Amino acid sequence: MRKAKVKKKDKVLILAGKDKGKTGIVLDVDLKKERVLVEGINYVKKHVRPNPGAGIQGGIEEMEAPIHISNVMVICPECGKPTRVGRKELKDGKRVRICKKCNGMIDKA
């Protein structure tokens, strides 16, 4: 399994699909399925069965669905542009993710 270039709370740009061009914050990353859940992106309608014991009313619920990790690109917090992610080791031994465009740090050390 590879390391994730996209992490929770990253701001990302959607590259493909019905929400192409939109930006959002990553809520969850599933590395096994290679999918990310992005806030406000890829809304789907799900039919929910009522369950009075659990207090669920039922009906049609709108929720975010995960999209493939290859369809998102991290937005650099320093330059504000969508970028590929690189890795760099600092002098104190910490590893951080860096922007390939401006060499700015994506992770705050």
C-alpha atoms as a PDB file:
ATOM      1  CA  MET A   1       0.000   0.000   0.000  1.00  0.00           C
ATOM      2  CA  ARG A   2       1.271   3.463  -0.931  1.00  0.00           C
ATOM      3  CA  LYS A   3       1.469   6.529   1.281  1.00  0.00           C
ATOM      4  CA  ALA A   4      -1.278   9.080   0.741  1.00  0.00           C
ATOM      5  CA  LYS A   5      -0.424  12.288  -1.047  1.00  0.00           C
ATOM      6  CA  VAL A   6      -3.858  13.577   0.000  1.00  0.00           C
ATOM      7  CA  LYS A   7      -4.697  13.778   3.700  1.00  0.00           C
ATOM      8  CA  LYS A   8      -7.636  14.841   5.853  1.00  0.00           C
ATOM      9  CA  LYS A   9      -8.246  18.605   6.002  1.00  0.00           C
ATOM     10  CA  ASP A  10      -6.377  19.231   2.713  1.00  0.00           C
ATOM     11  CA  LYS A  11      -7.998  21.656   0.295  1.00  0.00           C
ATOM     12  CA  VAL A  12      -8.376  19.916  -3.078  1.00  0.00           C
ATOM     13  CA  LEU A  13      -9.471  20.707  -6.630  1.00  0.00           C
ATOM     14  CA  ILE A  14     -11.750  18.208  -8.400  1.00  0.00           C
ATOM     15  CA  LEU A  15     -10.249  17.228 -11.784  1.00  0.00           C
ATOM     16  CA  ALA A  16     -12.960  14.988 -13.254  1.00  0.00           C
ATOM     17  CA  GLY A  17     -16.638  14.129 -12.939  1.00  0.00           C
ATOM     18  CA  LYS A  18     -19.798  16.153 -12.488  1.00  0.00           C
ATOM     19  CA  ASP A  19     -18.129  18.499  -9.970  1.00  0.00           C
ATOM     20  CA  LYS A  20     -15.038  19.231 -12.102  1.00  0.00           C
ATOM     21  CA  GLY A  21     -13.417  22.574 -11.214  1.00  0.00           C
ATOM     22  CA  LYS A  22     -14.897  22.805  -7.707  1.00  0.00           C
ATOM     23  CA  THR A  23     -12.818  22.869  -4.538  1.00  0.00           C
ATOM     24  CA  GLY A  24     -13.466  21.341  -1.144  1.00  0.00           C
ATOM     25  CA  ILE A  25     -11.923  20.037   2.070  1.00  0.00           C
ATOM     26  CA  VAL A  26     -11.076  16.332   2.420  1.00  0.00           C
ATOM     27  CA  LEU A  27     -13.157  14.706   5.170  1.00  0.00           C
ATOM     28  CA  ASP A  28     -11.889  11.127   4.903  1.00  0.00           C
ATOM     29  CA  VAL A  29      -9.285   9.089   2.990  1.00  0.00           C
ATOM     30  CA  ASP A  30      -9.663   5.352   2.286  1.00  0.00           C
ATOM     31  CA  LEU A  31      -6.282   4.068   1.073  1.00  0.00           C
ATOM     32  CA  LYS A  32      -7.405   0.479   0.469  1.00  0.00           C
ATOM     33  CA  LYS A  33     -10.114   1.579  -1.981  1.00  0.00           C
ATOM     34  CA  GLU A  34      -8.094   4.650  -3.107  1.00  0.00           C
ATOM     35  CA  ARG A  35     -11.024   6.995  -2.504  1.00  0.00           C
ATOM     36  CA  VAL A  36     -11.522  10.328  -0.758  1.00  0.00           C
ATOM     37  CA  LEU A  37     -14.617  11.962   0.701  1.00  0.00           C
ATOM     38  CA  VAL A  38     -14.699  15.696  -0.067  1.00  0.00           C
ATOM     39  CA  GLU A  39     -16.985  18.167   1.699  1.00  0.00           C
ATOM     40  CA  GLY A  40     -19.814  19.408  -0.555  1.00  0.00           C
ATOM     41  CA  ILE A  41     -18.711  17.338  -3.579  1.00  0.00           C
ATOM     42  CA  ASN A  42     -20.335  14.354  -5.368  1.00  0.00           C
ATOM     43  CA  TYR A  43     -23.749  14.492  -3.706  1.00  0.00           C
ATOM     44  CA  VAL A  44     -25.888  11.375  -4.249  1.00  0.00           C
ATOM     45  CA  LYS A  45     -29.425  10.526  -3.134  1.00  0.00           C
ATOM     46  CA  LYS A  46     -29.847   7.491  -0.906  1.00  0.00           C
ATOM     47  CA  HIS A  47     -33.176   5.891  -0.025  1.00  0.00           C
ATOM     48  CA  VAL A  48     -33.323   5.328   3.732  1.00  0.00           C
ATOM     49  CA  ARG A  49     -35.706   2.846   5.370  1.00  0.00           C
ATOM     50  CA  PRO A  50     -37.484   4.148   8.496  1.00  0.00           C
ATOM     51  CA  ASN A  51     -36.328   2.691  11.824  1.00  0.00           C
ATOM     52  CA  PRO A  52     -38.379   4.028  14.739  1.00  0.00           C
ATOM     53  CA  GLY A  53     -36.185   2.223  17.274  1.00  0.00           C
ATOM     54  CA  ALA A  54     -33.113   4.189  16.158  1.00  0.00           C
ATOM     55  CA  GLY A  55     -35.125   7.386  15.595  1.00  0.00           C
ATOM     56  CA  ILE A  56     -34.632   7.377  11.795  1.00  0.00           C
ATOM     57  CA  GLN A  57     -37.588   8.852   9.929  1.00  0.00           C
ATOM     58  CA  GLY A  58     -36.763   7.450   6.475  1.00  0.00           C
ATOM     59  CA  GLY A  59     -37.141   8.940   3.002  1.00  0.00           C
ATOM     60  CA  ILE A  60     -34.614  10.190   0.477  1.00  0.00           C
ATOM     61  CA  GLU A  61     -31.387  11.463   2.015  1.00  0.00           C
ATOM     62  CA  GLU A  62     -28.728  13.463   0.192  1.00  0.00           C
ATOM     63  CA  MET A  63     -25.143  12.627   1.121  1.00  0.00           C
ATOM     64  CA  GLU A  64     -21.574  12.947  -0.146  1.00  0.00           C
ATOM     65  CA  ALA A  65     -20.111   9.914  -1.894  1.00  0.00           C
ATOM     66  CA  PRO A  66     -16.378   9.168  -2.151  1.00  0.00           C
ATOM     67  CA  ILE A  67     -14.481   9.858  -5.390  1.00  0.00           C
ATOM     68  CA  HIS A  68     -11.283   8.289  -6.694  1.00  0.00           C
ATOM     69  CA  ILE A  69      -8.064   9.753  -5.326  1.00  0.00           C
ATOM     70  CA  SER A  70      -6.731  10.318  -8.873  1.00  0.00           C
ATOM     71  CA  ASN A  71      -9.551  12.777  -9.558  1.00  0.00           C
ATOM     72  CA  VAL A  72      -8.385  15.294  -6.942  1.00  0.00           C
ATOM     73  CA  MET A  73      -5.334  17.547  -6.743  1.00  0.00           C
ATOM     74  CA  VAL A  74      -4.025  19.213  -3.601  1.00  0.00           C
ATOM     75  CA  ILE A  75      -4.120  23.024  -3.513  1.00  0.00           C
ATOM     76  CA  CYS A  76      -0.938  24.515  -2.039  1.00  0.00           C
ATOM     77  CA  PRO A  77      -1.691  26.751   0.980  1.00  0.00           C
ATOM     78  CA  GLU A  78       1.238  29.063   0.120  1.00  0.00           C
ATOM     79  CA  CYS A  79       0.829  29.705  -3.625  1.00  0.00           C
ATOM     80  CA  GLY A  80      -2.881  28.785  -3.843  1.00  0.00           C
ATOM     81  CA  LYS A  81      -2.423  26.693  -7.007  1.00  0.00           C
ATOM     82  CA  PRO A  82      -3.298  23.031  -7.582  1.00  0.00           C
ATOM     83  CA  THR A  83      -0.064  21.070  -7.476  1.00  0.00           C
ATOM     84  CA  ARG A  84       1.548  17.672  -7.369  1.00  0.00           C
ATOM     85  CA  VAL A  85       2.896  16.665  -3.981  1.00  0.00           C
ATOM     86  CA  GLY A  86       6.538  15.855  -3.233  1.00  0.00           C
ATOM     87  CA  ARG A  87       8.304  14.770  -0.068  1.00  0.00           C
ATOM     88  CA  LYS A  88      11.291  16.336   1.635  1.00  0.00           C
ATOM     89  CA  GLU A  89      13.219  15.618   4.811  1.00  0.00           C
ATOM     90  CA  LEU A  90      14.028  18.596   6.999  1.00  0.00           C
ATOM     91  CA  LYS A  91      17.314  19.056   8.901  1.00  0.00           C
ATOM     92  CA  ASP A  92      15.704  17.917  12.148  1.00  0.00           C
ATOM     93  CA  GLY A  93      14.680  14.601  10.532  1.00  0.00           C
ATOM     94  CA  LYS A  94      10.983  15.399  10.002  1.00  0.00           C
ATOM     95  CA  ARG A  95       9.450  14.485   6.647  1.00  0.00           C
ATOM     96  CA  VAL A  96       7.018  16.983   5.125  1.00  0.00           C
ATOM     97  CA  ARG A  97       4.961  17.217   1.950  1.00  0.00           C
ATOM     98  CA  ILE A  98       5.992  20.029  -0.395  1.00  0.00           C
ATOM     99  CA  CYS A  99       4.427  21.830  -3.356  1.00  0.00           C
ATOM    100  CA  LYS A 100       6.137  20.962  -6.653  1.00  0.00           C
ATOM    101  CA  LYS A 101       5.413  24.452  -8.049  1.00  0.00           C
ATOM    102  CA  CYS A 102       6.666  26.770  -5.295  1.00  0.00           C
ATOM    103  CA  ASN A 103       8.561  24.316  -3.022  1.00  0.00           C
ATOM    104  CA  GLY A 104       6.430  25.545  -0.112  1.00  0.00           C
ATOM    105  CA  MET A 105       5.472  23.195   2.680  1.00  0.00           C
ATOM    106  CA  ILE A 106       1.962  21.712   2.580  1.00  0.00           C
ATOM    107  CA  ASP A 107       2.345  20.191   6.061  1.00  0.00           C
ATOM    108  CA  LYS A 108       3.144  22.666   8.777  1.00  0.00           C
ATOM    109  CA  ALA A 109       6.186  21.324  10.652  1.00  0.00           C
END
